[in-house]
Amino acid sequence: NVIKMVITPYLDVVYPVPAKLYITGSASPASWMGGGDPENVNQRFTKVSSSKFELTIVLSANNSMLFVPVYGDWNNKYGFTGANNTNNVTGDTFKPDGGDMKSPAVTKSYKITVDFKTGKYTVE
């Protein structure tokens, strides 16, 4: 006997995955979405899978940052799940409308990975 089935795949993620993702904040080269075109200062993440973004960027030490899907729009942002700047600077959890995330203690180039499947980000 032949049984017909319809299978619909879905993306198993903690939060909906945006089409684009940018970094903003005093830790980033263009500061808080007012310091220039994010494309020109390389603040746009690269989407490396259906749920993951990566960016290598120089972060200013002990400053704040957030992730935004639309550069210049504060209505939709991703930040730390706890109080502002109390995150683990090498990576932690994030959520929509979360708090500012503190950057590491040394100004240098870091690789940031943001994973919407796990709701976590890393700074290496």
PDB file of N, CA and C in Angstrom:
ATOM      1  N   ASN A   1       0.832  -1.180   0.000  1.00  0.00           N
ATOM      2  CA  ASN A   1       0.000   0.000   0.000  1.00  0.00           C
ATOM      3  C   ASN A   1       0.877   1.244   0.000  1.00  0.00           C
ATOM      4  N   VAL A   2       0.446   2.240  -0.714  1.00  0.00           N
ATOM      5  CA  VAL A   2       1.157   3.509  -0.785  1.00  0.00           C
ATOM      6  C   VAL A   2       0.409   4.535   0.054  1.00  0.00           C
ATOM      7  N   ILE A   3       1.133   5.174   0.926  1.00  0.00           N
ATOM      8  CA  ILE A   3       0.552   6.225   1.755  1.00  0.00           C
ATOM      9  C   ILE A   3       1.196   7.541   1.356  1.00  0.00           C
ATOM     10  N   LYS A   4       0.373   8.517   1.003  1.00  0.00           N
ATOM     11  CA  LYS A   4       0.890   9.838   0.647  1.00  0.00           C
ATOM     12  C   LYS A   4       1.006  10.672   1.905  1.00  0.00           C
ATOM     13  N   MET A   5       2.142  11.368   2.016  1.00  0.00           N
ATOM     14  CA  MET A   5       2.388  12.220   3.175  1.00  0.00           C
ATOM     15  C   MET A   5       2.890  13.576   2.709  1.00  0.00           C
ATOM     16  N   VAL A   6       2.571  14.597   3.455  1.00  0.00           N
ATOM     17  CA  VAL A   6       3.108  15.932   3.219  1.00  0.00           C
ATOM     18  C   VAL A   6       3.976  16.267   4.419  1.00  0.00           C
ATOM     19  N   ILE A   7       5.235  16.568   4.167  1.00  0.00           N
ATOM     20  CA  ILE A   7       6.172  16.916   5.231  1.00  0.00           C
ATOM     21  C   ILE A   7       6.586  18.363   5.040  1.00  0.00           C
ATOM     22  N   THR A   8       6.386  19.144   6.071  1.00  0.00           N
ATOM     23  CA  THR A   8       6.747  20.556   6.027  1.00  0.00           C
ATOM     24  C   THR A   8       7.910  20.802   6.975  1.00  0.00           C
ATOM     25  N   PRO A   9       9.062  21.178   6.440  1.00  0.00           N
ATOM     26  CA  PRO A   9      10.201  21.470   7.320  1.00  0.00           C
ATOM     27  C   PRO A   9       9.995  22.809   8.022  1.00  0.00           C
ATOM     28  N   TYR A  10      10.583  22.950   9.167  1.00  0.00           N
ATOM     29  CA  TYR A  10      10.538  24.209   9.879  1.00  0.00           C
ATOM     30  C   TYR A  10      11.901  24.464  10.501  1.00  0.00           C
ATOM     31  N   LEU A  11      12.154  25.724  10.761  1.00  0.00           N
ATOM     32  CA  LEU A  11      13.416  26.129  11.355  1.00  0.00           C
ATOM     33  C   LEU A  11      13.250  26.138  12.868  1.00  0.00           C
ATOM     34  N   ASP A  12      13.965  25.271  13.543  1.00  0.00           N
ATOM     35  CA  ASP A  12      13.886  25.122  14.991  1.00  0.00           C
ATOM     36  C   ASP A  12      14.772  26.168  15.657  1.00  0.00           C
ATOM     37  N   VAL A  13      14.188  27.331  15.969  1.00  0.00           N
ATOM     38  CA  VAL A  13      14.960  28.434  16.531  1.00  0.00           C
ATOM     39  C   VAL A  13      14.304  28.971  17.791  1.00  0.00           C
ATOM     40  N   VAL A  14      15.112  29.608  18.635  1.00  0.00           N
ATOM     41  CA  VAL A  14      14.607  30.239  19.854  1.00  0.00           C
ATOM     42  C   VAL A  14      13.873  31.536  19.496  1.00  0.00           C
ATOM     43  N   TYR A  15      14.444  32.320  18.573  1.00  0.00           N
ATOM     44  CA  TYR A  15      13.861  33.586  18.142  1.00  0.00           C
ATOM     45  C   TYR A  15      13.799  33.607  16.622  1.00  0.00           C
ATOM     46  N   PRO A  16      12.830  34.326  16.043  1.00  0.00           N
ATOM     47  CA  PRO A  16      12.788  34.438  14.578  1.00  0.00           C
ATOM     48  C   PRO A  16      14.104  34.997  14.040  1.00  0.00           C
ATOM     49  N   VAL A  17      14.565  34.452  12.948  1.00  0.00           N
ATOM     50  CA  VAL A  17      15.850  34.843  12.367  1.00  0.00           C
ATOM     51  C   VAL A  17      15.637  36.021  11.415  1.00  0.00           C
ATOM     52  N   PRO A  18      16.321  37.144  11.656  1.00  0.00           N
ATOM     53  CA  PRO A  18      16.178  38.292  10.751  1.00  0.00           C
ATOM     54  C   PRO A  18      16.925  38.056   9.438  1.00  0.00           C
ATOM     55  N   ALA A  19      16.573  38.822   8.435  1.00  0.00           N
ATOM     56  CA  ALA A  19      17.256  38.729   7.141  1.00  0.00           C
ATOM     57  C   ALA A  19      18.677  39.265   7.234  1.00  0.00           C
ATOM     58  N   LYS A  20      18.870  40.332   8.022  1.00  0.00           N
ATOM     59  CA  LYS A  20      20.179  40.955   8.211  1.00  0.00           C
ATOM     60  C   LYS A  20      20.399  41.179   9.696  1.00  0.00           C
ATOM     61  N   LEU A  21      21.659  41.372  10.065  1.00  0.00           N
ATOM     62  CA  LEU A  21      21.987  41.666  11.456  1.00  0.00           C
ATOM     63  C   LEU A  21      23.198  42.589  11.484  1.00  0.00           C
ATOM     64  N   TYR A  22      23.135  43.598  12.349  1.00  0.00           N
ATOM     65  CA  TYR A  22      24.211  44.573  12.503  1.00  0.00           C
ATOM     66  C   TYR A  22      24.594  44.667  13.976  1.00  0.00           C
ATOM     67  N   ILE A  23      25.806  45.139  14.225  1.00  0.00           N
ATOM     68  CA  ILE A  23      26.221  45.468  15.587  1.00  0.00           C
ATOM     69  C   ILE A  23      26.185  46.991  15.712  1.00  0.00           C
ATOM     70  N   THR A  24      25.823  47.465  16.891  1.00  0.00           N
ATOM     71  CA  THR A  24      25.855  48.894  17.178  1.00  0.00           C
ATOM     72  C   THR A  24      26.284  49.071  18.628  1.00  0.00           C
ATOM     73  N   GLY A  25      26.691  50.257  18.985  1.00  0.00           N
ATOM     74  CA  GLY A  25      27.082  50.522  20.364  1.00  0.00           C
ATOM     75  C   GLY A  25      28.416  51.218  20.467  1.00  0.00           C
ATOM     76  N   SER A  26      28.727  51.674  21.666  1.00  0.00           N
ATOM     77  CA  SER A  26      29.990  52.383  21.894  1.00  0.00           C
ATOM     78  C   SER A  26      31.201  51.474  21.696  1.00  0.00           C
ATOM     79  N   ALA A  27      31.004  50.166  21.705  1.00  0.00           N
ATOM     80  CA  ALA A  27      32.086  49.219  21.455  1.00  0.00           C
ATOM     81  C   ALA A  27      32.400  49.083  19.964  1.00  0.00           C
ATOM     82  N   SER A  28      31.487  49.529  19.106  1.00  0.00           N
ATOM     83  CA  SER A  28      31.653  49.360  17.659  1.00  0.00           C
ATOM     84  C   SER A  28      32.246  50.611  17.018  1.00  0.00           C
ATOM     85  N   PRO A  29      32.862  50.470  15.832  1.00  0.00           N
ATOM     86  CA  PRO A  29      33.515  51.608  15.181  1.00  0.00           C
ATOM     87  C   PRO A  29      32.591  52.804  14.906  1.00  0.00           C
ATOM     88  N   ALA A  30      31.325  52.555  14.578  1.00  0.00           N
ATOM     89  CA  ALA A  30      30.408  53.656  14.239  1.00  0.00           C
ATOM     90  C   ALA A  30      29.547  54.085  15.418  1.00  0.00           C
ATOM     91  N   SER A  31      29.805  53.561  16.596  1.00  0.00           N
ATOM     92  CA  SER A  31      29.093  53.892  17.821  1.00  0.00           C
ATOM     93  C   SER A  31      27.617  53.514  17.731  1.00  0.00           C
ATOM     94  N   TRP A  32      26.746  54.301  18.319  1.00  0.00           N
ATOM     95  CA  TRP A  32      25.318  53.980  18.468  1.00  0.00           C
ATOM     96  C   TRP A  32      24.493  54.386  17.257  1.00  0.00           C
ATOM     97  N   MET A  33      24.594  53.673  16.180  1.00  0.00           N
ATOM     98  CA  MET A  33      23.792  53.866  14.963  1.00  0.00           C
ATOM     99  C   MET A  33      23.730  55.314  14.511  1.00  0.00           C
ATOM    100  N   GLY A  34      24.785  56.039  14.700  1.00  0.00           N
ATOM    101  CA  GLY A  34      24.778  57.413  14.237  1.00  0.00           C
ATOM    102  C   GLY A  34      26.103  57.810  13.643  1.00  0.00           C
ATOM    103  N   GLY A  35      27.056  56.876  13.638  1.00  0.00           N
ATOM    104  CA  GLY A  35      28.403  57.203  13.221  1.00  0.00           C
ATOM    105  C   GLY A  35      28.737  56.826  11.807  1.00  0.00           C
ATOM    106  N   GLY A  36      27.748  56.674  10.932  1.00  0.00           N
ATOM    107  CA  GLY A  36      28.054  56.363   9.546  1.00  0.00           C
ATOM    108  C   GLY A  36      27.329  55.147   9.030  1.00  0.00           C
ATOM    109  N   ASP A  37      27.545  54.871   7.771  1.00  0.00           N
ATOM    110  CA  ASP A  37      26.914  53.750   7.079  1.00  0.00           C
ATOM    111  C   ASP A  37      27.499  52.437   7.593  1.00  0.00           C
ATOM    112  N   PRO A  38      26.665  51.532   8.131  1.00  0.00           N
ATOM    113  CA  PRO A  38      27.190  50.287   8.686  1.00  0.00           C
ATOM    114  C   PRO A  38      27.869  49.400   7.645  1.00  0.00           C
ATOM    115  N   GLU A  39      27.493  49.538   6.381  1.00  0.00           N
ATOM    116  CA  GLU A  39      28.133  48.756   5.327  1.00  0.00           C
ATOM    117  C   GLU A  39      29.576  49.228   5.121  1.00  0.00           C
ATOM    118  N   ASN A  40      29.794  50.538   5.236  1.00  0.00           N
ATOM    119  CA  ASN A  40      31.127  51.097   5.015  1.00  0.00           C
ATOM    120  C   ASN A  40      32.066  50.854   6.183  1.00  0.00           C
ATOM    121  N   VAL A  41      31.537  50.671   7.379  1.00  0.00           N
ATOM    122  CA  VAL A  41      32.397  50.417   8.532  1.00  0.00           C
ATOM    123  C   VAL A  41      32.346  48.936   8.941  1.00  0.00           C
ATOM    124  N   ASN A  42      31.804  48.118   8.055  1.00  0.00           N
ATOM    125  CA  ASN A  42      31.777  46.663   8.236  1.00  0.00           C
ATOM    126  C   ASN A  42      31.103  46.232   9.533  1.00  0.00           C
ATOM    127  N   GLN A  43      29.922  46.779   9.810  1.00  0.00           N
ATOM    128  CA  GLN A  43      29.184  46.401  11.007  1.00  0.00           C
ATOM    129  C   GLN A  43      28.046  45.434  10.708  1.00  0.00           C
ATOM    130  N   ARG A  44      27.985  44.944   9.485  1.00  0.00           N
ATOM    131  CA  ARG A  44      26.958  43.981   9.100  1.00  0.00           C
ATOM    132  C   ARG A  44      27.502  42.561   9.242  1.00  0.00           C
ATOM    133  N   PHE A  45      26.753  41.729   9.929  1.00  0.00           N
ATOM    134  CA  PHE A  45      27.101  40.327  10.075  1.00  0.00           C
ATOM    135  C   PHE A  45      26.882  39.594   8.755  1.00  0.00           C
ATOM    136  N   THR A  46      27.596  38.484   8.583  1.00  0.00           N
ATOM    137  CA  THR A  46      27.391  37.587   7.456  1.00  0.00           C
ATOM    138  C   THR A  46      26.548  36.417   7.942  1.00  0.00           C
ATOM    139  N   LYS A  47      25.502  36.101   7.212  1.00  0.00           N
ATOM    140  CA  LYS A  47      24.658  34.956   7.563  1.00  0.00           C
ATOM    141  C   LYS A  47      25.359  33.701   7.061  1.00  0.00           C
ATOM    142  N   VAL A  48      25.777  32.823   7.982  1.00  0.00           N
ATOM    143  CA  VAL A  48      26.564  31.648   7.628  1.00  0.00           C
ATOM    144  C   VAL A  48      25.750  30.356   7.627  1.00  0.00           C
ATOM    145  N   SER A  49      24.529  30.406   8.158  1.00  0.00           N
ATOM    146  CA  SER A  49      23.616  29.265   8.108  1.00  0.00           C
ATOM    147  C   SER A  49      22.203  29.815   8.259  1.00  0.00           C
ATOM    148  N   SER A  50      21.229  28.932   8.320  1.00  0.00           N
ATOM    149  CA  SER A  50      19.843  29.389   8.418  1.00  0.00           C
ATOM    150  C   SER A  50      19.540  30.110   9.726  1.00  0.00           C
ATOM    151  N   SER A  51      20.397  29.933  10.746  1.00  0.00           N
ATOM    152  CA  SER A  51      20.123  30.556  12.043  1.00  0.00           C
ATOM    153  C   SER A  51      21.323  31.261  12.666  1.00  0.00           C
ATOM    154  N   LYS A  52      22.440  31.312  11.953  1.00  0.00           N
ATOM    155  CA  LYS A  52      23.675  31.822  12.553  1.00  0.00           C
ATOM    156  C   LYS A  52      24.301  32.939  11.719  1.00  0.00           C
ATOM    157  N   PHE A  53      24.801  33.957  12.442  1.00  0.00           N
ATOM    158  CA  PHE A  53      25.498  35.093  11.835  1.00  0.00           C
ATOM    159  C   PHE A  53      26.891  35.199  12.439  1.00  0.00           C
ATOM    160  N   GLU A  54      27.867  35.697  11.638  1.00  0.00           N
ATOM    161  CA  GLU A  54      29.223  35.916  12.125  1.00  0.00           C
ATOM    162  C   GLU A  54      29.745  37.265  11.636  1.00  0.00           C
ATOM    163  N   LEU A  55      30.605  37.862  12.461  1.00  0.00           N
ATOM    164  CA  LEU A  55      31.236  39.136  12.120  1.00  0.00           C
ATOM    165  C   LEU A  55      32.577  39.213  12.828  1.00  0.00           C
ATOM    166  N   THR A  56      33.617  39.626  12.104  1.00  0.00           N
ATOM    167  CA  THR A  56      34.901  39.916  12.719  1.00  0.00           C
ATOM    168  C   THR A  56      35.063  41.428  12.683  1.00  0.00           C
ATOM    169  N   ILE A  57      35.275  42.007  13.876  1.00  0.00           N
ATOM    170  CA  ILE A  57      35.267  43.466  14.009  1.00  0.00           C
ATOM    171  C   ILE A  57      36.129  43.870  15.202  1.00  0.00           C
ATOM    172  N   VAL A  58      36.695  45.075  15.140  1.00  0.00           N
ATOM    173  CA  VAL A  58      37.435  45.615  16.277  1.00  0.00           C
ATOM    174  C   VAL A  58      36.421  46.175  17.274  1.00  0.00           C
ATOM    175  N   LEU A  59      36.485  45.680  18.496  1.00  0.00           N
ATOM    176  CA  LEU A  59      35.631  46.168  19.568  1.00  0.00           C
ATOM    177  C   LEU A  59      36.451  47.020  20.521  1.00  0.00           C
ATOM    178  N   SER A  60      35.891  48.142  20.921  1.00  0.00           N
ATOM    179  CA  SER A  60      36.511  49.028  21.895  1.00  0.00           C
ATOM    180  C   SER A  60      36.293  48.454  23.297  1.00  0.00           C
ATOM    181  N   ALA A  61      37.344  48.402  24.083  1.00  0.00           N
ATOM    182  CA  ALA A  61      37.325  47.749  25.399  1.00  0.00           C
ATOM    183  C   ALA A  61      36.300  48.338  26.361  1.00  0.00           C
ATOM    184  N   ASN A  62      35.659  47.435  27.110  1.00  0.00           N
ATOM    185  CA  ASN A  62      34.756  47.798  28.211  1.00  0.00           C
ATOM    186  C   ASN A  62      33.655  48.779  27.822  1.00  0.00           C
ATOM    187  N   ASN A  63      33.128  48.620  26.628  1.00  0.00           N
ATOM    188  CA  ASN A  63      32.023  49.448  26.165  1.00  0.00           C
ATOM    189  C   ASN A  63      30.801  48.576  25.914  1.00  0.00           C
ATOM    190  N   SER A  64      29.734  49.180  25.411  1.00  0.00           N
ATOM    191  CA  SER A  64      28.468  48.469  25.228  1.00  0.00           C
ATOM    192  C   SER A  64      28.168  48.201  23.764  1.00  0.00           C
ATOM    193  N   MET A  65      27.342  47.165  23.521  1.00  0.00           N
ATOM    194  CA  MET A  65      26.928  46.830  22.164  1.00  0.00           C
ATOM    195  C   MET A  65      25.562  46.158  22.192  1.00  0.00           C
ATOM    196  N   LEU A  66      24.902  46.204  21.046  1.00  0.00           N
ATOM    197  CA  LEU A  66      23.627  45.527  20.806  1.00  0.00           C
ATOM    198  C   LEU A  66      23.645  45.003  19.382  1.00  0.00           C
ATOM    199  N   PHE A  67      22.715  44.098  19.074  1.00  0.00           N
ATOM    200  CA  PHE A  67      22.530  43.596  17.713  1.00  0.00           C
ATOM    201  C   PHE A  67      21.186  44.098  17.209  1.00  0.00           C
ATOM    202  N   VAL A  68      21.143  44.572  15.961  1.00  0.00           N
ATOM    203  CA  VAL A  68      19.904  45.079  15.377  1.00  0.00           C
ATOM    204  C   VAL A  68      19.731  44.530  13.956  1.00  0.00           C
ATOM    205  N   PRO A  69      18.503  44.158  13.583  1.00  0.00           N
ATOM    206  CA  PRO A  69      18.266  43.670  12.222  1.00  0.00           C
ATOM    207  C   PRO A  69      18.110  44.790  11.193  1.00  0.00           C
ATOM    208  N   VAL A  70      17.731  45.983  11.659  1.00  0.00           N
ATOM    209  CA  VAL A  70      17.607  47.142  10.776  1.00  0.00           C
ATOM    210  C   VAL A  70      18.429  48.269  11.391  1.00  0.00           C
ATOM    211  N   TYR A  71      19.504  48.639  10.721  1.00  0.00           N
ATOM    212  CA  TYR A  71      20.386  49.669  11.257  1.00  0.00           C
ATOM    213  C   TYR A  71      19.649  50.999  11.313  1.00  0.00           C
ATOM    214  N   GLY A  72      19.619  51.613  12.483  1.00  0.00           N
ATOM    215  CA  GLY A  72      18.924  52.870  12.685  1.00  0.00           C
ATOM    216  C   GLY A  72      17.553  52.713  13.323  1.00  0.00           C
ATOM    217  N   ASP A  73      17.100  51.482  13.526  1.00  0.00           N
ATOM    218  CA  ASP A  73      15.778  51.223  14.091  1.00  0.00           C
ATOM    219  C   ASP A  73      15.909  50.617  15.491  1.00  0.00           C
ATOM    220  N   TRP A  74      15.506  51.384  16.503  1.00  0.00           N
ATOM    221  CA  TRP A  74      15.593  50.916  17.893  1.00  0.00           C
ATOM    222  C   TRP A  74      14.412  50.049  18.304  1.00  0.00           C
ATOM    223  N   ASN A  75      13.398  49.913  17.457  1.00  0.00           N
ATOM    224  CA  ASN A  75      12.201  49.152  17.821  1.00  0.00           C
ATOM    225  C   ASN A  75      12.414  47.651  17.809  1.00  0.00           C
ATOM    226  N   ASN A  76      13.493  47.207  17.215  1.00  0.00           N
ATOM    227  CA  ASN A  76      13.754  45.776  17.122  1.00  0.00           C
ATOM    228  C   ASN A  76      15.244  45.561  17.368  1.00  0.00           C
ATOM    229  N   LYS A  77      15.591  45.168  18.582  1.00  0.00           N
ATOM    230  CA  LYS A  77      17.002  44.985  18.934  1.00  0.00           C
ATOM    231  C   LYS A  77      17.157  43.696  19.730  1.00  0.00           C
ATOM    232  N   TYR A  78      18.380  43.208  19.787  1.00  0.00           N
ATOM    233  CA  TYR A  78      18.706  42.017  20.578  1.00  0.00           C
ATOM    234  C   TYR A  78      19.827  42.371  21.536  1.00  0.00           C
ATOM    235  N   GLY A  79      19.659  41.985  22.799  1.00  0.00           N
ATOM    236  CA  GLY A  79      20.661  42.267  23.804  1.00  0.00           C
ATOM    237  C   GLY A  79      20.694  41.176  24.859  1.00  0.00           C
ATOM    238  N   PHE A  80      21.472  41.403  25.879  1.00  0.00           N
ATOM    239  CA  PHE A  80      21.685  40.439  26.960  1.00  0.00           C
ATOM    240  C   PHE A  80      20.386  40.166  27.721  1.00  0.00           C
ATOM    241  N   THR A  81      20.248  38.950  28.216  1.00  0.00           N
ATOM    242  CA  THR A  81      19.036  38.556  28.933  1.00  0.00           C
ATOM    243  C   THR A  81      18.975  39.117  30.349  1.00  0.00           C
ATOM    244  N   GLY A  82      20.081  39.635  30.862  1.00  0.00           N
ATOM    245  CA  GLY A  82      20.112  40.199  32.215  1.00  0.00           C
ATOM    246  C   GLY A  82      20.234  41.715  32.183  1.00  0.00           C
ATOM    247  N   ALA A  83      20.692  42.278  33.292  1.00  0.00           N
ATOM    248  CA  ALA A  83      20.866  43.725  33.398  1.00  0.00           C
ATOM    249  C   ALA A  83      21.974  44.211  32.463  1.00  0.00           C
ATOM    250  N   ASN A  84      21.895  45.475  32.070  1.00  0.00           N
ATOM    251  CA  ASN A  84      22.891  46.062  31.167  1.00  0.00           C
ATOM    252  C   ASN A  84      24.318  45.793  31.638  1.00  0.00           C
ATOM    253  N   ASN A  85      25.152  45.354  30.691  1.00  0.00           N
ATOM    254  CA  ASN A  85      26.601  45.186  30.880  1.00  0.00           C
ATOM    255  C   ASN A  85      26.995  44.238  32.013  1.00  0.00           C
ATOM    256  N   THR A  86      26.161  43.261  32.317  1.00  0.00           N
ATOM    257  CA  THR A  86      26.507  42.253  33.325  1.00  0.00           C
ATOM    258  C   THR A  86      26.760  40.889  32.690  1.00  0.00           C
ATOM    259  N   ASN A  87      26.831  40.863  31.372  1.00  0.00           N
ATOM    260  CA  ASN A  87      27.049  39.617  30.632  1.00  0.00           C
ATOM    261  C   ASN A  87      28.485  39.114  30.757  1.00  0.00           C
ATOM    262  N   ASN A  88      28.680  37.850  30.423  1.00  0.00           N
ATOM    263  CA  ASN A  88      30.015  37.274  30.264  1.00  0.00           C
ATOM    264  C   ASN A  88      30.552  37.851  28.951  1.00  0.00           C
ATOM    265  N   VAL A  89      31.684  38.522  28.969  1.00  0.00           N
ATOM    266  CA  VAL A  89      32.182  39.224  27.783  1.00  0.00           C
ATOM    267  C   VAL A  89      32.665  38.292  26.670  1.00  0.00           C
ATOM    268  N   THR A  90      32.826  37.018  26.944  1.00  0.00           N
ATOM    269  CA  THR A  90      33.224  36.071  25.897  1.00  0.00           C
ATOM    270  C   THR A  90      32.017  35.373  25.271  1.00  0.00           C
ATOM    271  N   GLY A  91      30.823  35.734  25.716  1.00  0.00           N
ATOM    272  CA  GLY A  91      29.610  35.166  25.149  1.00  0.00           C
ATOM    273  C   GLY A  91      28.586  34.890  26.222  1.00  0.00           C
ATOM    274  N   ASP A  92      27.322  34.915  25.807  1.00  0.00           N
ATOM    275  CA  ASP A  92      26.235  34.736  26.770  1.00  0.00           C
ATOM    276  C   ASP A  92      24.941  34.530  25.999  1.00  0.00           C
ATOM    277  N   THR A  93      23.820  34.713  26.677  1.00  0.00           N
ATOM    278  CA  THR A  93      22.510  34.591  26.054  1.00  0.00           C
ATOM    279  C   THR A  93      22.026  35.966  25.605  1.00  0.00           C
ATOM    280  N   PHE A  94      21.143  35.965  24.608  1.00  0.00           N
ATOM    281  CA  PHE A  94      20.539  37.214  24.155  1.00  0.00           C
ATOM    282  C   PHE A  94      19.048  37.005  23.958  1.00  0.00           C
ATOM    283  N   LYS A  95      18.320  38.124  23.874  1.00  0.00           N
ATOM    284  CA  LYS A  95      16.874  38.068  23.654  1.00  0.00           C
ATOM    285  C   LYS A  95      16.418  39.365  22.990  1.00  0.00           C
ATOM    286  N   PRO A  96      15.229  39.350  22.386  1.00  0.00           N
ATOM    287  CA  PRO A  96      14.685  40.589  21.845  1.00  0.00           C
ATOM    288  C   PRO A  96      14.503  41.611  22.969  1.00  0.00           C
ATOM    289  N   ASP A  97      14.809  42.859  22.686  1.00  0.00           N
ATOM    290  CA  ASP A  97      14.706  43.974  23.642  1.00  0.00           C
ATOM    291  C   ASP A  97      15.554  43.762  24.891  1.00  0.00           C
ATOM    292  N   GLY A  98      16.629  42.999  24.770  1.00  0.00           N
ATOM    293  CA  GLY A  98      17.519  42.753  25.897  1.00  0.00           C
ATOM    294  C   GLY A  98      18.394  43.959  26.218  1.00  0.00           C
ATOM    295  N   GLY A  99      19.178  43.825  27.286  1.00  0.00           N
ATOM    296  CA  GLY A  99      20.044  44.895  27.755  1.00  0.00           C
ATOM    297  C   GLY A  99      21.350  44.989  26.990  1.00  0.00           C
ATOM    298  N   ASP A 100      22.048  46.105  27.193  1.00  0.00           N
ATOM    299  CA  ASP A 100      23.352  46.307  26.566  1.00  0.00           C
ATOM    300  C   ASP A 100      24.310  45.194  26.976  1.00  0.00           C
ATOM    301  N   MET A 101      25.174  44.813  26.029  1.00  0.00           N
ATOM    302  CA  MET A 101      26.175  43.781  26.279  1.00  0.00           C
ATOM    303  C   MET A 101      27.549  44.434  26.374  1.00  0.00           C
ATOM    304  N   LYS A 102      28.298  44.095  27.387  1.00  0.00           N
ATOM    305  CA  LYS A 102      29.632  44.659  27.596  1.00  0.00           C
ATOM    306  C   LYS A 102      30.639  43.952  26.694  1.00  0.00           C
ATOM    307  N   SER A 103      31.559  44.730  26.133  1.00  0.00           N
ATOM    308  CA  SER A 103      32.632  44.177  25.307  1.00  0.00           C
ATOM    309  C   SER A 103      33.798  43.734  26.191  1.00  0.00           C
ATOM    310  N   PRO A 104      34.696  42.901  25.635  1.00  0.00           N
ATOM    311  CA  PRO A 104      35.871  42.456  26.406  1.00  0.00           C
ATOM    312  C   PRO A 104      36.765  43.613  26.849  1.00  0.00           C
ATOM    313  N   ALA A 105      37.696  43.327  27.755  1.00  0.00           N
ATOM    314  CA  ALA A 105      38.542  44.343  28.390  1.00  0.00           C
ATOM    315  C   ALA A 105      39.709  44.817  27.528  1.00  0.00           C
ATOM    316  N   VAL A 106      39.915  44.223  26.357  1.00  0.00           N
ATOM    317  CA  VAL A 106      41.028  44.607  25.485  1.00  0.00           C
ATOM    318  C   VAL A 106      40.473  45.037  24.130  1.00  0.00           C
ATOM    319  N   THR A 107      40.885  46.211  23.653  1.00  0.00           N
ATOM    320  CA  THR A 107      40.495  46.667  22.318  1.00  0.00           C
ATOM    321  C   THR A 107      41.287  45.889  21.287  1.00  0.00           C
ATOM    322  N   LYS A 108      40.570  45.117  20.466  1.00  0.00           N
ATOM    323  CA  LYS A 108      41.204  44.355  19.386  1.00  0.00           C
ATOM    324  C   LYS A 108      40.115  43.761  18.509  1.00  0.00           C
ATOM    325  N   SER A 109      40.514  43.009  17.507  1.00  0.00           N
ATOM    326  CA  SER A 109      39.591  42.362  16.595  1.00  0.00           C
ATOM    327  C   SER A 109      39.035  41.083  17.222  1.00  0.00           C
ATOM    328  N   TYR A 110      37.719  40.926  17.153  1.00  0.00           N
ATOM    329  CA  TYR A 110      37.042  39.748  17.692  1.00  0.00           C
ATOM    330  C   TYR A 110      36.107  39.164  16.643  1.00  0.00           C
ATOM    331  N   LYS A 111      35.913  37.866  16.723  1.00  0.00           N
ATOM    332  CA  LYS A 111      34.910  37.193  15.901  1.00  0.00           C
ATOM    333  C   LYS A 111      33.679  37.005  16.781  1.00  0.00           C
ATOM    334  N   ILE A 112      32.549  37.563  16.332  1.00  0.00           N
ATOM    335  CA  ILE A 112      31.294  37.446  17.065  1.00  0.00           C
ATOM    336  C   ILE A 112      30.376  36.508  16.295  1.00  0.00           C
ATOM    337  N   THR A 113      29.833  35.528  16.982  1.00  0.00           N
ATOM    338  CA  THR A 113      28.875  34.592  16.396  1.00  0.00           C
ATOM    339  C   THR A 113      27.565  34.729  17.151  1.00  0.00           C
ATOM    340  N   VAL A 114      26.473  34.918  16.414  1.00  0.00           N
ATOM    341  CA  VAL A 114      25.139  35.044  17.000  1.00  0.00           C
ATOM    342  C   VAL A 114      24.295  33.909  16.453  1.00  0.00           C
ATOM    343  N   ASP A 115      23.772  33.065  17.346  1.00  0.00           N
ATOM    344  CA  ASP A 115      23.027  31.875  16.938  1.00  0.00           C
ATOM    345  C   ASP A 115      21.574  31.964  17.426  1.00  0.00           C
ATOM    346  N   PHE A 116      20.656  32.139  16.490  1.00  0.00           N
ATOM    347  CA  PHE A 116      19.238  32.249  16.832  1.00  0.00           C
ATOM    348  C   PHE A 116      18.612  30.893  17.161  1.00  0.00           C
ATOM    349  N   LYS A 117      19.301  29.821  16.870  1.00  0.00           N
ATOM    350  CA  LYS A 117      18.800  28.490  17.238  1.00  0.00           C
ATOM    351  C   LYS A 117      18.976  28.248  18.737  1.00  0.00           C
ATOM    352  N   THR A 118      20.082  28.738  19.286  1.00  0.00           N
ATOM    353  CA  THR A 118      20.364  28.516  20.703  1.00  0.00           C
ATOM    354  C   THR A 118      20.070  29.741  21.566  1.00  0.00           C
ATOM    355  N   GLY A 119      19.952  30.917  20.948  1.00  0.00           N
ATOM    356  CA  GLY A 119      19.758  32.145  21.719  1.00  0.00           C
ATOM    357  C   GLY A 119      21.034  32.581  22.425  1.00  0.00           C
ATOM    358  N   LYS A 120      22.190  32.201  21.837  1.00  0.00           N
ATOM    359  CA  LYS A 120      23.471  32.532  22.455  1.00  0.00           C
ATOM    360  C   LYS A 120      24.384  33.210  21.432  1.00  0.00           C
ATOM    361  N   TYR A 121      25.340  33.993  21.961  1.00  0.00           N
ATOM    362  CA  TYR A 121      26.361  34.606  21.125  1.00  0.00           C
ATOM    363  C   TYR A 121      27.721  34.354  21.765  1.00  0.00           C
ATOM    364  N   THR A 122      28.757  34.364  20.935  1.00  0.00           N
ATOM    365  CA  THR A 122      30.128  34.202  21.440  1.00  0.00           C
ATOM    366  C   THR A 122      30.986  35.336  20.893  1.00  0.00           C
ATOM    367  N   VAL A 123      32.006  35.689  21.664  1.00  0.00           N
ATOM    368  CA  VAL A 123      32.987  36.709  21.282  1.00  0.00           C
ATOM    369  C   VAL A 123      34.344  36.067  21.450  1.00  0.00           C
ATOM    370  N   GLU A 124      35.044  35.846  20.336  1.00  0.00           N
ATOM    371  CA  GLU A 124      36.344  35.169  20.383  1.00  0.00           C
ATOM    372  C   GLU A 124      37.436  36.063  19.810  1.00  0.00           C
TER     373      GLU A 124
END
